[in-house]
Amino acid sequence: MNGIEEKSKPRISKKQYIQFAFVMIGMISLFILFLYFMANNRQKEIQEINNDYSITTGVITKISLYKGHHIDVKFKVNNELIKGSDGMQKSTNKNVGDSIQIKYSNKNPTNFITELNNSF
């Protein structure tokens, strides 16, 4: 060894493995709950839209096919410009700047779906 001591790797105990497993299970559970509440919230918005809605025409401002298909749109309701994003489940030949049909909630116009959404 010539005066140089070898350092051994510290061993991980069973207790540390169990603690790590519980932490990972907790994090995964929180992530699943987050996804559930987001999906449930969106379903409530769509139900609100379908209960009392109007249809208008908006303009596509951005189309994103990377990390989820969605489009950004803008439209006017009662002289107020509304901008937002919606999922895109149907394929389209529309481009940025094209017109698109939008169904929005009369109670809250910021809740809307476009014609490219399956819930339209």
PDB file of N, CA and C in Angstrom:
ATOM      1  N   MET A   1       0.813  -1.193   0.000  1.00  0.00           N
ATOM      2  CA  MET A   1       0.000   0.000   0.000  1.00  0.00           C
ATOM      3  C   MET A   1       0.856   1.256   0.000  1.00  0.00           C
ATOM      4  N   ASN A   2       2.081   1.154   0.393  1.00  0.00           N
ATOM      5  CA  ASN A   2       3.024   2.259   0.355  1.00  0.00           C
ATOM      6  C   ASN A   2       2.487   3.530   0.992  1.00  0.00           C
ATOM      7  N   GLY A   3       1.856   3.423   2.130  1.00  0.00           N
ATOM      8  CA  GLY A   3       1.410   4.612   2.848  1.00  0.00           C
ATOM      9  C   GLY A   3       0.109   5.197   2.336  1.00  0.00           C
ATOM     10  N   ILE A   4      -0.414   4.698   1.245  1.00  0.00           N
ATOM     11  CA  ILE A   4      -1.677   5.205   0.701  1.00  0.00           C
ATOM     12  C   ILE A   4      -2.770   4.222   1.100  1.00  0.00           C
ATOM     13  N   GLU A   5      -3.758   4.736   1.810  1.00  0.00           N
ATOM     14  CA  GLU A   5      -4.847   3.873   2.247  1.00  0.00           C
ATOM     15  C   GLU A   5      -5.943   3.871   1.194  1.00  0.00           C
ATOM     16  N   GLU A   6      -6.451   2.688   0.920  1.00  0.00           N
ATOM     17  CA  GLU A   6      -7.554   2.579  -0.021  1.00  0.00           C
ATOM     18  C   GLU A   6      -8.841   2.905   0.706  1.00  0.00           C
ATOM     19  N   LYS A   7      -9.674   3.692   0.066  1.00  0.00           N
ATOM     20  CA  LYS A   7     -10.967   4.012   0.647  1.00  0.00           C
ATOM     21  C   LYS A   7     -11.998   3.081   0.048  1.00  0.00           C
ATOM     22  N   SER A   8     -12.751   2.443   0.886  1.00  0.00           N
ATOM     23  CA  SER A   8     -13.798   1.555   0.382  1.00  0.00           C
ATOM     24  C   SER A   8     -15.089   2.357   0.243  1.00  0.00           C
ATOM     25  N   LYS A   9     -15.901   1.931  -0.707  1.00  0.00           N
ATOM     26  CA  LYS A   9     -17.178   2.605  -0.928  1.00  0.00           C
ATOM     27  C   LYS A   9     -18.095   2.318   0.248  1.00  0.00           C
ATOM     28  N   PRO A  10     -18.812   3.329   0.704  1.00  0.00           N
ATOM     29  CA  PRO A  10     -19.744   3.057   1.805  1.00  0.00           C
ATOM     30  C   PRO A  10     -20.890   2.182   1.305  1.00  0.00           C
ATOM     31  N   ARG A  11     -21.259   1.212   2.117  1.00  0.00           N
ATOM     32  CA  ARG A  11     -22.344   0.319   1.747  1.00  0.00           C
ATOM     33  C   ARG A  11     -23.672   0.964   2.112  1.00  0.00           C
ATOM     34  N   ILE A  12     -24.649   0.744   1.246  1.00  0.00           N
ATOM     35  CA  ILE A  12     -25.982   1.277   1.488  1.00  0.00           C
ATOM     36  C   ILE A  12     -26.759   0.224   2.264  1.00  0.00           C
ATOM     37  N   SER A  13     -27.332   0.670   3.365  1.00  0.00           N
ATOM     38  CA  SER A  13     -28.048  -0.270   4.227  1.00  0.00           C
ATOM     39  C   SER A  13     -29.459  -0.525   3.707  1.00  0.00           C
ATOM     40  N   LYS A  14     -30.067  -1.598   4.242  1.00  0.00           N
ATOM     41  CA  LYS A  14     -31.452  -1.914   3.892  1.00  0.00           C
ATOM     42  C   LYS A  14     -32.376  -0.763   4.273  1.00  0.00           C
ATOM     43  N   LYS A  15     -32.102  -0.155   5.393  1.00  0.00           N
ATOM     44  CA  LYS A  15     -32.931   0.967   5.873  1.00  0.00           C
ATOM     45  C   LYS A  15     -32.892   2.124   4.866  1.00  0.00           C
ATOM     46  N   GLN A  16     -31.725   2.413   4.310  1.00  0.00           N
ATOM     47  CA  GLN A  16     -31.599   3.485   3.325  1.00  0.00           C
ATOM     48  C   GLN A  16     -32.334   3.140   2.038  1.00  0.00           C
ATOM     49  N   TYR A  17     -32.268   1.852   1.612  1.00  0.00           N
ATOM     50  CA  TYR A  17     -33.026   1.417   0.441  1.00  0.00           C
ATOM     51  C   TYR A  17     -34.528   1.606   0.661  1.00  0.00           C
ATOM     52  N   ILE A  18     -35.001   1.231   1.828  1.00  0.00           N
ATOM     53  CA  ILE A  18     -36.433   1.357   2.146  1.00  0.00           C
ATOM     54  C   ILE A  18     -36.837   2.825   2.183  1.00  0.00           C
ATOM     55  N   GLN A  19     -36.012   3.667   2.791  1.00  0.00           N
ATOM     56  CA  GLN A  19     -36.308   5.106   2.826  1.00  0.00           C
ATOM     57  C   GLN A  19     -36.366   5.675   1.410  1.00  0.00           C
ATOM     58  N   PHE A  20     -35.416   5.289   0.579  1.00  0.00           N
ATOM     59  CA  PHE A  20     -35.401   5.760  -0.804  1.00  0.00           C
ATOM     60  C   PHE A  20     -36.652   5.302  -1.543  1.00  0.00           C
ATOM     61  N   ALA A  21     -37.051   4.049  -1.341  1.00  0.00           N
ATOM     62  CA  ALA A  21     -38.257   3.520  -1.986  1.00  0.00           C
ATOM     63  C   ALA A  21     -39.486   4.318  -1.564  1.00  0.00           C
ATOM     64  N   PHE A  22     -39.613   4.626  -0.283  1.00  0.00           N
ATOM     65  CA  PHE A  22     -40.765   5.404   0.184  1.00  0.00           C
ATOM     66  C   PHE A  22     -40.766   6.817  -0.404  1.00  0.00           C
ATOM     67  N   VAL A  23     -39.610   7.423  -0.500  1.00  0.00           N
ATOM     68  CA  VAL A  23     -39.523   8.762  -1.089  1.00  0.00           C
ATOM     69  C   VAL A  23     -39.941   8.714  -2.562  1.00  0.00           C
ATOM     70  N   MET A  24     -39.461   7.724  -3.292  1.00  0.00           N
ATOM     71  CA  MET A  24     -39.824   7.604  -4.706  1.00  0.00           C
ATOM     72  C   MET A  24     -41.316   7.322  -4.874  1.00  0.00           C
ATOM     73  N   ILE A  25     -41.866   6.440  -4.050  1.00  0.00           N
ATOM     74  CA  ILE A  25     -43.306   6.158  -4.109  1.00  0.00           C
ATOM     75  C   ILE A  25     -44.099   7.430  -3.821  1.00  0.00           C
ATOM     76  N   GLY A  26     -43.656   8.199  -2.850  1.00  0.00           N
ATOM     77  CA  GLY A  26     -44.327   9.467  -2.521  1.00  0.00           C
ATOM     78  C   GLY A  26     -44.281  10.453  -3.680  1.00  0.00           C
ATOM     79  N   MET A  27     -43.129  10.578  -4.318  1.00  0.00           N
ATOM     80  CA  MET A  27     -43.001  11.517  -5.441  1.00  0.00           C
ATOM     81  C   MET A  27     -43.860  11.076  -6.619  1.00  0.00           C
ATOM     82  N   ILE A  28     -43.860   9.792  -6.927  1.00  0.00           N
ATOM     83  CA  ILE A  28     -44.672   9.282  -8.030  1.00  0.00           C
ATOM     84  C   ILE A  28     -46.152   9.476  -7.729  1.00  0.00           C
ATOM     85  N   SER A  29     -46.548   9.247  -6.474  1.00  0.00           N
ATOM     86  CA  SER A  29     -47.951   9.444  -6.085  1.00  0.00           C
ATOM     87  C   SER A  29     -48.371  10.900  -6.250  1.00  0.00           C
ATOM     88  N   LEU A  30     -47.519  11.822  -5.840  1.00  0.00           N
ATOM     89  CA  LEU A  30     -47.832  13.246  -6.001  1.00  0.00           C
ATOM     90  C   LEU A  30     -47.970  13.617  -7.471  1.00  0.00           C
ATOM     91  N   PHE A  31     -47.115  13.081  -8.311  1.00  0.00           N
ATOM     92  CA  PHE A  31     -47.178  13.356  -9.749  1.00  0.00           C
ATOM     93  C   PHE A  31     -48.478  12.827 -10.343  1.00  0.00           C
ATOM     94  N   ILE A  32     -48.860  11.613  -9.967  1.00  0.00           N
ATOM     95  CA  ILE A  32     -50.111  11.031 -10.464  1.00  0.00           C
ATOM     96  C   ILE A  32     -51.305  11.848  -9.991  1.00  0.00           C
ATOM     97  N   LEU A  33     -51.313  12.273  -8.728  1.00  0.00           N
ATOM     98  CA  LEU A  33     -52.399  13.123  -8.223  1.00  0.00           C
ATOM     99  C   LEU A  33     -52.471  14.437  -8.981  1.00  0.00           C
ATOM    100  N   PHE A  34     -51.319  15.032  -9.274  1.00  0.00           N
ATOM    101  CA  PHE A  34     -51.283  16.283 -10.038  1.00  0.00           C
ATOM    102  C   PHE A  34     -51.921  16.090 -11.406  1.00  0.00           C
ATOM    103  N   LEU A  35     -51.542  15.014 -12.099  1.00  0.00           N
ATOM    104  CA  LEU A  35     -52.118  14.740 -13.421  1.00  0.00           C
ATOM    105  C   LEU A  35     -53.618  14.502 -13.329  1.00  0.00           C
ATOM    106  N   TYR A  36     -54.066  13.786 -12.313  1.00  0.00           N
ATOM    107  CA  TYR A  36     -55.492  13.524 -12.126  1.00  0.00           C
ATOM    108  C   TYR A  36     -56.266  14.823 -11.942  1.00  0.00           C
ATOM    109  N   PHE A  37     -55.785  15.701 -11.067  1.00  0.00           N
ATOM    110  CA  PHE A  37     -56.490  16.954 -10.809  1.00  0.00           C
ATOM    111  C   PHE A  37     -56.488  17.876 -12.026  1.00  0.00           C
ATOM    112  N   MET A  38     -55.398  17.863 -12.803  1.00  0.00           N
ATOM    113  CA  MET A  38     -55.360  18.675 -14.016  1.00  0.00           C
ATOM    114  C   MET A  38     -56.382  18.164 -15.035  1.00  0.00           C
ATOM    115  N   ALA A  39     -56.459  16.861 -15.219  1.00  0.00           N
ATOM    116  CA  ALA A  39     -57.421  16.286 -16.166  1.00  0.00           C
ATOM    117  C   ALA A  39     -58.848  16.534 -15.689  1.00  0.00           C
ATOM    118  N   ASN A  40     -59.078  16.393 -14.404  1.00  0.00           N
ATOM    119  CA  ASN A  40     -60.406  16.624 -13.838  1.00  0.00           C
ATOM    120  C   ASN A  40     -60.817  18.084 -13.992  1.00  0.00           C
ATOM    121  N   ASN A  41     -59.880  18.997 -13.791  1.00  0.00           N
ATOM    122  CA  ASN A  41     -60.153  20.423 -13.941  1.00  0.00           C
ATOM    123  C   ASN A  41     -60.517  20.747 -15.388  1.00  0.00           C
ATOM    124  N   ARG A  42     -59.797  20.156 -16.328  1.00  0.00           N
ATOM    125  CA  ARG A  42     -60.083  20.396 -17.751  1.00  0.00           C
ATOM    126  C   ARG A  42     -61.462  19.857 -18.121  1.00  0.00           C
ATOM    127  N   GLN A  43     -61.827  18.696 -17.574  1.00  0.00           N
ATOM    128  CA  GLN A  43     -63.153  18.142 -17.837  1.00  0.00           C
ATOM    129  C   GLN A  43     -64.242  19.067 -17.309  1.00  0.00           C
ATOM    130  N   LYS A  44     -64.014  19.680 -16.156  1.00  0.00           N
ATOM    131  CA  LYS A  44     -64.990  20.636 -15.606  1.00  0.00           C
ATOM    132  C   LYS A  44     -65.113  21.856 -16.511  1.00  0.00           C
ATOM    133  N   GLU A  45     -63.986  22.339 -17.042  1.00  0.00           N
ATOM    134  CA  GLU A  45     -64.023  23.476 -17.968  1.00  0.00           C
ATOM    135  C   GLU A  45     -64.814  23.127 -19.225  1.00  0.00           C
ATOM    136  N   ILE A  46     -64.585  21.948 -19.774  1.00  0.00           N
ATOM    137  CA  ILE A  46     -65.303  21.536 -20.990  1.00  0.00           C
ATOM    138  C   ILE A  46     -66.795  21.403 -20.702  1.00  0.00           C
ATOM    139  N   GLN A  47     -67.141  20.884 -19.531  1.00  0.00           N
ATOM    140  CA  GLN A  47     -68.552  20.780 -19.152  1.00  0.00           C
ATOM    141  C   GLN A  47     -69.176  22.169 -19.033  1.00  0.00           C
ATOM    142  N   GLU A  48     -68.443  23.114 -18.442  1.00  0.00           N
ATOM    143  CA  GLU A  48     -68.937  24.491 -18.327  1.00  0.00           C
ATOM    144  C   GLU A  48     -69.161  25.100 -19.712  1.00  0.00           C
ATOM    145  N   ILE A  49     -68.235  24.845 -20.614  1.00  0.00           N
ATOM    146  CA  ILE A  49     -68.358  25.363 -21.986  1.00  0.00           C
ATOM    147  C   ILE A  49     -69.599  24.789 -22.651  1.00  0.00           C
ATOM    148  N   ASN A  50     -69.785  23.483 -22.550  1.00  0.00           N
ATOM    149  CA  ASN A  50     -70.909  22.838 -23.219  1.00  0.00           C
ATOM    150  C   ASN A  50     -72.263  23.177 -22.603  1.00  0.00           C
ATOM    151  N   ASN A  51     -72.295  23.600 -21.348  1.00  0.00           N
ATOM    152  CA  ASN A  51     -73.555  23.982 -20.704  1.00  0.00           C
ATOM    153  C   ASN A  51     -74.102  25.307 -21.235  1.00  0.00           C
ATOM    154  N   ASP A  52     -73.230  26.258 -21.511  1.00  0.00           N
ATOM    155  CA  ASP A  52     -73.670  27.577 -21.979  1.00  0.00           C
ATOM    156  C   ASP A  52     -72.544  28.171 -22.819  1.00  0.00           C
ATOM    157  N   TYR A  53     -72.671  28.049 -24.145  1.00  0.00           N
ATOM    158  CA  TYR A  53     -71.560  28.466 -24.993  1.00  0.00           C
ATOM    159  C   TYR A  53     -72.029  29.322 -26.167  1.00  0.00           C
ATOM    160  N   SER A  54     -71.040  29.980 -26.754  1.00  0.00           N
ATOM    161  CA  SER A  54     -71.205  30.673 -28.029  1.00  0.00           C
ATOM    162  C   SER A  54     -70.044  30.235 -28.906  1.00  0.00           C
ATOM    163  N   ILE A  55     -70.235  30.388 -30.211  1.00  0.00           N
ATOM    164  CA  ILE A  55     -69.181  30.030 -31.158  1.00  0.00           C
ATOM    165  C   ILE A  55     -68.769  31.288 -31.905  1.00  0.00           C
ATOM    166  N   THR A  56     -67.482  31.461 -32.048  1.00  0.00           N
ATOM    167  CA  THR A  56     -66.942  32.613 -32.761  1.00  0.00           C
ATOM    168  C   THR A  56     -65.780  32.141 -33.631  1.00  0.00           C
ATOM    169  N   THR A  57     -65.209  33.058 -34.362  1.00  0.00           N
ATOM    170  CA  THR A  57     -64.044  32.763 -35.192  1.00  0.00           C
ATOM    171  C   THR A  57     -62.834  33.463 -34.594  1.00  0.00           C
ATOM    172  N   GLY A  58     -61.737  32.734 -34.506  1.00  0.00           N
ATOM    173  CA  GLY A  58     -60.488  33.289 -34.005  1.00  0.00           C
ATOM    174  C   GLY A  58     -59.394  33.116 -35.027  1.00  0.00           C
ATOM    175  N   VAL A  59     -58.193  33.484 -34.643  1.00  0.00           N
ATOM    176  CA  VAL A  59     -57.034  33.402 -35.522  1.00  0.00           C
ATOM    177  C   VAL A  59     -55.959  32.572 -34.822  1.00  0.00           C
ATOM    178  N   ILE A  60     -55.354  31.661 -35.568  1.00  0.00           N
ATOM    179  CA  ILE A  60     -54.260  30.849 -35.036  1.00  0.00           C
ATOM    180  C   ILE A  60     -53.003  31.708 -34.975  1.00  0.00           C
ATOM    181  N   THR A  61     -52.375  31.767 -33.783  1.00  0.00           N
ATOM    182  CA  THR A  61     -51.154  32.560 -33.630  1.00  0.00           C
ATOM    183  C   THR A  61     -49.903  31.689 -33.535  1.00  0.00           C
ATOM    184  N   LYS A  62     -50.095  30.390 -33.195  1.00  0.00           N
ATOM    185  CA  LYS A  62     -48.945  29.493 -33.103  1.00  0.00           C
ATOM    186  C   LYS A  62     -49.446  28.054 -33.151  1.00  0.00           C
ATOM    187  N   ILE A  63     -48.717  27.201 -33.830  1.00  0.00           N
ATOM    188  CA  ILE A  63     -49.008  25.770 -33.867  1.00  0.00           C
ATOM    189  C   ILE A  63     -47.772  25.058 -33.343  1.00  0.00           C
ATOM    190  N   SER A  64     -47.964  24.225 -32.311  1.00  0.00           N
ATOM    191  CA  SER A  64     -46.843  23.501 -31.724  1.00  0.00           C
ATOM    192  C   SER A  64     -47.085  22.001 -31.830  1.00  0.00           C
ATOM    193  N   LEU A  65     -46.168  21.314 -32.468  1.00  0.00           N
ATOM    194  CA  LEU A  65     -46.250  19.865 -32.595  1.00  0.00           C
ATOM    195  C   LEU A  65     -45.183  19.184 -31.755  1.00  0.00           C
ATOM    196  N   TYR A  66     -44.428  19.974 -31.024  1.00  0.00           N
ATOM    197  CA  TYR A  66     -43.351  19.452 -30.195  1.00  0.00           C
ATOM    198  C   TYR A  66     -43.837  19.350 -28.756  1.00  0.00           C
ATOM    199  N   LYS A  67     -43.615  18.223 -28.104  1.00  0.00           N
ATOM    200  CA  LYS A  67     -44.044  17.979 -26.718  1.00  0.00           C
ATOM    201  C   LYS A  67     -45.539  18.222 -26.546  1.00  0.00           C
ATOM    202  N   GLY A  68     -46.335  17.584 -27.334  1.00  0.00           N
ATOM    203  CA  GLY A  68     -47.787  17.727 -27.247  1.00  0.00           C
ATOM    204  C   GLY A  68     -48.283  18.638 -28.344  1.00  0.00           C
ATOM    205  N   HIS A  69     -49.352  18.264 -28.963  1.00  0.00           N
ATOM    206  CA  HIS A  69     -49.908  19.058 -30.055  1.00  0.00           C
ATOM    207  C   HIS A  69     -50.886  20.071 -29.485  1.00  0.00           C
ATOM    208  N   HIS A  70     -50.602  21.337 -29.692  1.00  0.00           N
ATOM    209  CA  HIS A  70     -51.524  22.381 -29.268  1.00  0.00           C
ATOM    210  C   HIS A  70     -51.374  23.601 -30.171  1.00  0.00           C
ATOM    211  N   ILE A  71     -52.412  24.444 -30.120  1.00  0.00           N
ATOM    212  CA  ILE A  71     -52.372  25.679 -30.897  1.00  0.00           C
ATOM    213  C   ILE A  71     -52.676  26.849 -29.974  1.00  0.00           C
ATOM    214  N   ASP A  72     -52.086  27.965 -30.283  1.00  0.00           N
ATOM    215  CA  ASP A  72     -52.402  29.222 -29.606  1.00  0.00           C
ATOM    216  C   ASP A  72     -53.319  30.002 -30.529  1.00  0.00           C
ATOM    217  N   VAL A  73     -54.339  30.610 -29.948  1.00  0.00           N
ATOM    218  CA  VAL A  73     -55.305  31.375 -30.732  1.00  0.00           C
ATOM    219  C   VAL A  73     -55.598  32.700 -30.033  1.00  0.00           C
ATOM    220  N   LYS A  74     -56.204  33.595 -30.803  1.00  0.00           N
ATOM    221  CA  LYS A  74     -56.728  34.832 -30.231  1.00  0.00           C
ATOM    222  C   LYS A  74     -58.074  35.096 -30.879  1.00  0.00           C
ATOM    223  N   PHE A  75     -58.977  35.666 -30.069  1.00  0.00           N
ATOM    224  CA  PHE A  75     -60.313  35.984 -30.561  1.00  0.00           C
ATOM    225  C   PHE A  75     -60.903  37.079 -29.687  1.00  0.00           C
ATOM    226  N   LYS A  76     -61.965  37.710 -30.193  1.00  0.00           N
ATOM    227  CA  LYS A  76     -62.601  38.813 -29.460  1.00  0.00           C
ATOM    228  C   LYS A  76     -63.977  38.389 -28.971  1.00  0.00           C
ATOM    229  N   VAL A  77     -64.268  38.768 -27.729  1.00  0.00           N
ATOM    230  CA  VAL A  77     -65.595  38.600 -27.135  1.00  0.00           C
ATOM    231  C   VAL A  77     -65.929  39.920 -26.452  1.00  0.00           C
ATOM    232  N   ASN A  78     -67.039  40.525 -26.861  1.00  0.00           N
ATOM    233  CA  ASN A  78     -67.462  41.818 -26.286  1.00  0.00           C
ATOM    234  C   ASN A  78     -66.333  42.846 -26.311  1.00  0.00           C
ATOM    235  N   ASN A  79     -65.658  42.953 -27.436  1.00  0.00           N
ATOM    236  CA  ASN A  79     -64.574  43.911 -27.642  1.00  0.00           C
ATOM    237  C   ASN A  79     -63.350  43.654 -26.758  1.00  0.00           C
ATOM    238  N   GLU A  80     -63.262  42.490 -26.167  1.00  0.00           N
ATOM    239  CA  GLU A  80     -62.112  42.116 -25.344  1.00  0.00           C
ATOM    240  C   GLU A  80     -61.320  41.036 -26.083  1.00  0.00           C
ATOM    241  N   LEU A  81     -60.021  41.256 -26.248  1.00  0.00           N
ATOM    242  CA  LEU A  81     -59.159  40.296 -26.928  1.00  0.00           C
ATOM    243  C   LEU A  81     -58.763  39.201 -25.951  1.00  0.00           C
ATOM    244  N   ILE A  82     -59.004  37.970 -26.350  1.00  0.00           N
ATOM    245  CA  ILE A  82     -58.668  36.822 -25.513  1.00  0.00           C
ATOM    246  C   ILE A  82     -57.636  35.984 -26.256  1.00  0.00           C
ATOM    247  N   LYS A  83     -56.571  35.634 -25.536  1.00  0.00           N
ATOM    248  CA  LYS A  83     -55.518  34.779 -26.091  1.00  0.00           C
ATOM    249  C   LYS A  83     -55.426  33.541 -25.222  1.00  0.00           C
ATOM    250  N   GLY A  84     -55.166  32.404 -25.859  1.00  0.00           N
ATOM    251  CA  GLY A  84     -55.030  31.176 -25.093  1.00  0.00           C
ATOM    252  C   GLY A  84     -54.561  30.034 -25.958  1.00  0.00           C
ATOM    253  N   SER A  85     -54.521  28.863 -25.331  1.00  0.00           N
ATOM    254  CA  SER A  85     -54.005  27.671 -25.975  1.00  0.00           C
ATOM    255  C   SER A  85     -55.000  26.534 -25.790  1.00  0.00           C
ATOM    256  N   ASP A  86     -55.038  25.626 -26.759  1.00  0.00           N
ATOM    257  CA  ASP A  86     -55.911  24.466 -26.676  1.00  0.00           C
ATOM    258  C   ASP A  86     -55.220  23.266 -27.298  1.00  0.00           C
ATOM    259  N   GLY A  87     -55.573  22.083 -26.813  1.00  0.00           N
ATOM    260  CA  GLY A  87     -55.030  20.855 -27.366  1.00  0.00           C
ATOM    261  C   GLY A  87     -55.530  20.630 -28.781  1.00  0.00           C
ATOM    262  N   MET A  88     -54.776  19.877 -29.534  1.00  0.00           N
ATOM    263  CA  MET A  88     -55.118  19.637 -30.932  1.00  0.00           C
ATOM    264  C   MET A  88     -55.078  18.125 -31.164  1.00  0.00           C
ATOM    265  N   GLN A  89     -56.273  17.485 -31.158  1.00  0.00           N
ATOM    266  CA  GLN A  89     -56.323  16.042 -31.365  1.00  0.00           C
ATOM    267  C   GLN A  89     -56.576  15.673 -32.823  1.00  0.00           C
ATOM    268  N   LYS A  90     -57.122  16.581 -33.597  1.00  0.00           N
ATOM    269  CA  LYS A  90     -57.415  16.299 -35.003  1.00  0.00           C
ATOM    270  C   LYS A  90     -56.300  16.873 -35.871  1.00  0.00           C
ATOM    271  N   SER A  91     -55.926  16.138 -36.901  1.00  0.00           N
ATOM    272  CA  SER A  91     -54.907  16.662 -37.807  1.00  0.00           C
ATOM    273  C   SER A  91     -55.516  17.823 -38.609  1.00  0.00           C
ATOM    274  N   THR A  92     -54.664  18.708 -39.028  1.00  0.00           N
ATOM    275  CA  THR A  92     -55.141  19.904 -39.708  1.00  0.00           C
ATOM    276  C   THR A  92     -54.206  20.315 -40.826  1.00  0.00           C
ATOM    277  N   ASN A  93     -54.777  21.046 -41.751  1.00  0.00           N
ATOM    278  CA  ASN A  93     -53.951  21.657 -42.791  1.00  0.00           C
ATOM    279  C   ASN A  93     -53.935  23.169 -42.594  1.00  0.00           C
ATOM    280  N   LYS A  94     -54.340  23.603 -41.404  1.00  0.00           N
ATOM    281  CA  LYS A  94     -54.344  25.035 -41.093  1.00  0.00           C
ATOM    282  C   LYS A  94     -52.942  25.502 -40.730  1.00  0.00           C
ATOM    283  N   ASN A  95     -52.716  26.786 -40.946  1.00  0.00           N
ATOM    284  CA  ASN A  95     -51.424  27.398 -40.660  1.00  0.00           C
ATOM    285  C   ASN A  95     -51.615  28.605 -39.757  1.00  0.00           C
ATOM    286  N   VAL A  96     -50.515  29.128 -39.248  1.00  0.00           N
ATOM    287  CA  VAL A  96     -50.556  30.352 -38.450  1.00  0.00           C
ATOM    288  C   VAL A  96     -51.168  31.454 -39.298  1.00  0.00           C
ATOM    289  N   GLY A  97     -52.128  32.178 -38.718  1.00  0.00           N
ATOM    290  CA  GLY A  97     -52.809  33.257 -39.415  1.00  0.00           C
ATOM    291  C   GLY A  97     -54.156  32.844 -39.979  1.00  0.00           C
ATOM    292  N   ASP A  98     -54.423  31.534 -40.042  1.00  0.00           N
ATOM    293  CA  ASP A  98     -55.715  31.047 -40.548  1.00  0.00           C
ATOM    294  C   ASP A  98     -56.811  31.227 -39.492  1.00  0.00           C
ATOM    295  N   SER A  99     -58.029  31.299 -39.964  1.00  0.00           N
ATOM    296  CA  SER A  99     -59.190  31.388 -39.077  1.00  0.00           C
ATOM    297  C   SER A  99     -59.546  30.003 -38.550  1.00  0.00           C
ATOM    298  N   ILE A 100     -60.153  30.005 -37.355  1.00  0.00           N
ATOM    299  CA  ILE A 100     -60.551  28.750 -36.728  1.00  0.00           C
ATOM    300  C   ILE A 100     -61.793  28.993 -35.877  1.00  0.00           C
ATOM    301  N   GLN A 101     -62.685  28.015 -35.833  1.00  0.00           N
ATOM    302  CA  GLN A 101     -63.887  28.120 -35.019  1.00  0.00           C
ATOM    303  C   GLN A 101     -63.543  27.849 -33.554  1.00  0.00           C
ATOM    304  N   ILE A 102     -64.122  28.656 -32.661  1.00  0.00           N
ATOM    305  CA  ILE A 102     -63.861  28.548 -31.231  1.00  0.00           C
ATOM    306  C   ILE A 102     -65.189  28.512 -30.499  1.00  0.00           C
ATOM    307  N   LYS A 103     -65.328  27.542 -29.604  1.00  0.00           N
ATOM    308  CA  LYS A 103     -66.499  27.448 -28.732  1.00  0.00           C
ATOM    309  C   LYS A 103     -66.041  27.899 -27.346  1.00  0.00           C
ATOM    310  N   TYR A 104     -66.679  28.934 -26.808  1.00  0.00           N
ATOM    311  CA  TYR A 104     -66.253  29.457 -25.517  1.00  0.00           C
ATOM    312  C   TYR A 104     -67.424  29.533 -24.542  1.00  0.00           C
ATOM    313  N   SER A 105     -67.089  29.537 -23.276  1.00  0.00           N
ATOM    314  CA  SER A 105     -68.086  29.629 -22.215  1.00  0.00           C
ATOM    315  C   SER A 105     -68.595  31.062 -22.123  1.00  0.00           C
ATOM    316  N   ASN A 106     -69.920  31.225 -22.098  1.00  0.00           N
ATOM    317  CA  ASN A 106     -70.483  32.571 -21.941  1.00  0.00           C
ATOM    318  C   ASN A 106     -70.189  33.137 -20.555  1.00  0.00           C
ATOM    319  N   LYS A 107     -70.041  32.259 -19.578  1.00  0.00           N
ATOM    320  CA  LYS A 107     -69.753  32.698 -18.210  1.00  0.00           C
ATOM    321  C   LYS A 107     -68.309  33.175 -18.077  1.00  0.00           C
ATOM    322  N   ASN A 108     -67.396  32.451 -18.730  1.00  0.00           N
ATOM    323  CA  ASN A 108     -65.979  32.768 -18.639  1.00  0.00           C
ATOM    324  C   ASN A 108     -65.325  32.497 -20.008  1.00  0.00           C
ATOM    325  N   PRO A 109     -65.256  33.504 -20.879  1.00  0.00           N
ATOM    326  CA  PRO A 109     -64.745  33.300 -22.246  1.00  0.00           C
ATOM    327  C   PRO A 109     -63.301  32.803 -22.326  1.00  0.00           C
ATOM    328  N   THR A 110     -62.545  32.892 -21.237  1.00  0.00           N
ATOM    329  CA  THR A 110     -61.179  32.359 -21.281  1.00  0.00           C
ATOM    330  C   THR A 110     -61.179  30.828 -21.270  1.00  0.00           C
ATOM    331  N   ASN A 111     -62.328  30.230 -20.961  1.00  0.00           N
ATOM    332  CA  ASN A 111     -62.488  28.778 -21.092  1.00  0.00           C
ATOM    333  C   ASN A 111     -63.041  28.507 -22.482  1.00  0.00           C
ATOM    334  N   PHE A 112     -62.239  27.891 -23.332  1.00  0.00           N
ATOM    335  CA  PHE A 112     -62.666  27.655 -24.717  1.00  0.00           C
ATOM    336  C   PHE A 112     -62.053  26.385 -25.263  1.00  0.00           C
ATOM    337  N   ILE A 113     -62.629  25.899 -26.342  1.00  0.00           N
ATOM    338  CA  ILE A 113     -62.056  24.797 -27.114  1.00  0.00           C
ATOM    339  C   ILE A 113     -62.163  25.180 -28.587  1.00  0.00           C
ATOM    340  N   THR A 114     -61.225  24.672 -29.368  1.00  0.00           N
ATOM    341  CA  THR A 114     -61.230  24.981 -30.802  1.00  0.00           C
ATOM    342  C   THR A 114     -61.804  23.796 -31.582  1.00  0.00           C
ATOM    343  N   GLU A 115     -62.038  24.025 -32.843  1.00  0.00           N
ATOM    344  CA  GLU A 115     -62.587  22.980 -33.702  1.00  0.00           C
ATOM    345  C   GLU A 115     -61.651  21.787 -33.849  1.00  0.00           C
ATOM    346  N   LEU A 116     -60.385  21.943 -33.488  1.00  0.00           N
ATOM    347  CA  LEU A 116     -59.421  20.848 -33.596  1.00  0.00           C
ATOM    348  C   LEU A 116     -59.383  19.968 -32.349  1.00  0.00           C
ATOM    349  N   ASN A 117     -60.202  20.307 -31.380  1.00  0.00           N
ATOM    350  CA  ASN A 117     -60.304  19.534 -30.152  1.00  0.00           C
ATOM    351  C   ASN A 117     -61.441  18.528 -30.302  1.00  0.00           C
ATOM    352  N   ASN A 118     -61.255  17.298 -29.877  1.00  0.00           N
ATOM    353  CA  ASN A 118     -62.296  16.277 -29.994  1.00  0.00           C
ATOM    354  C   ASN A 118     -63.562  16.639 -29.235  1.00  0.00           C
ATOM    355  N   SER A 119     -63.476  17.495 -28.228  1.00  0.00           N
ATOM    356  CA  SER A 119     -64.648  17.871 -27.425  1.00  0.00           C
ATOM    357  C   SER A 119     -65.488  18.965 -28.081  1.00  0.00           C
ATOM    358  N   PHE A 120     -65.060  19.483 -29.222  1.00  0.00           N
ATOM    359  CA  PHE A 120     -65.792  20.568 -29.886  1.00  0.00           C
ATOM    360  C   PHE A 120     -67.159  20.062 -30.290  1.00  0.00           C
TER     361      PHE A 120
END
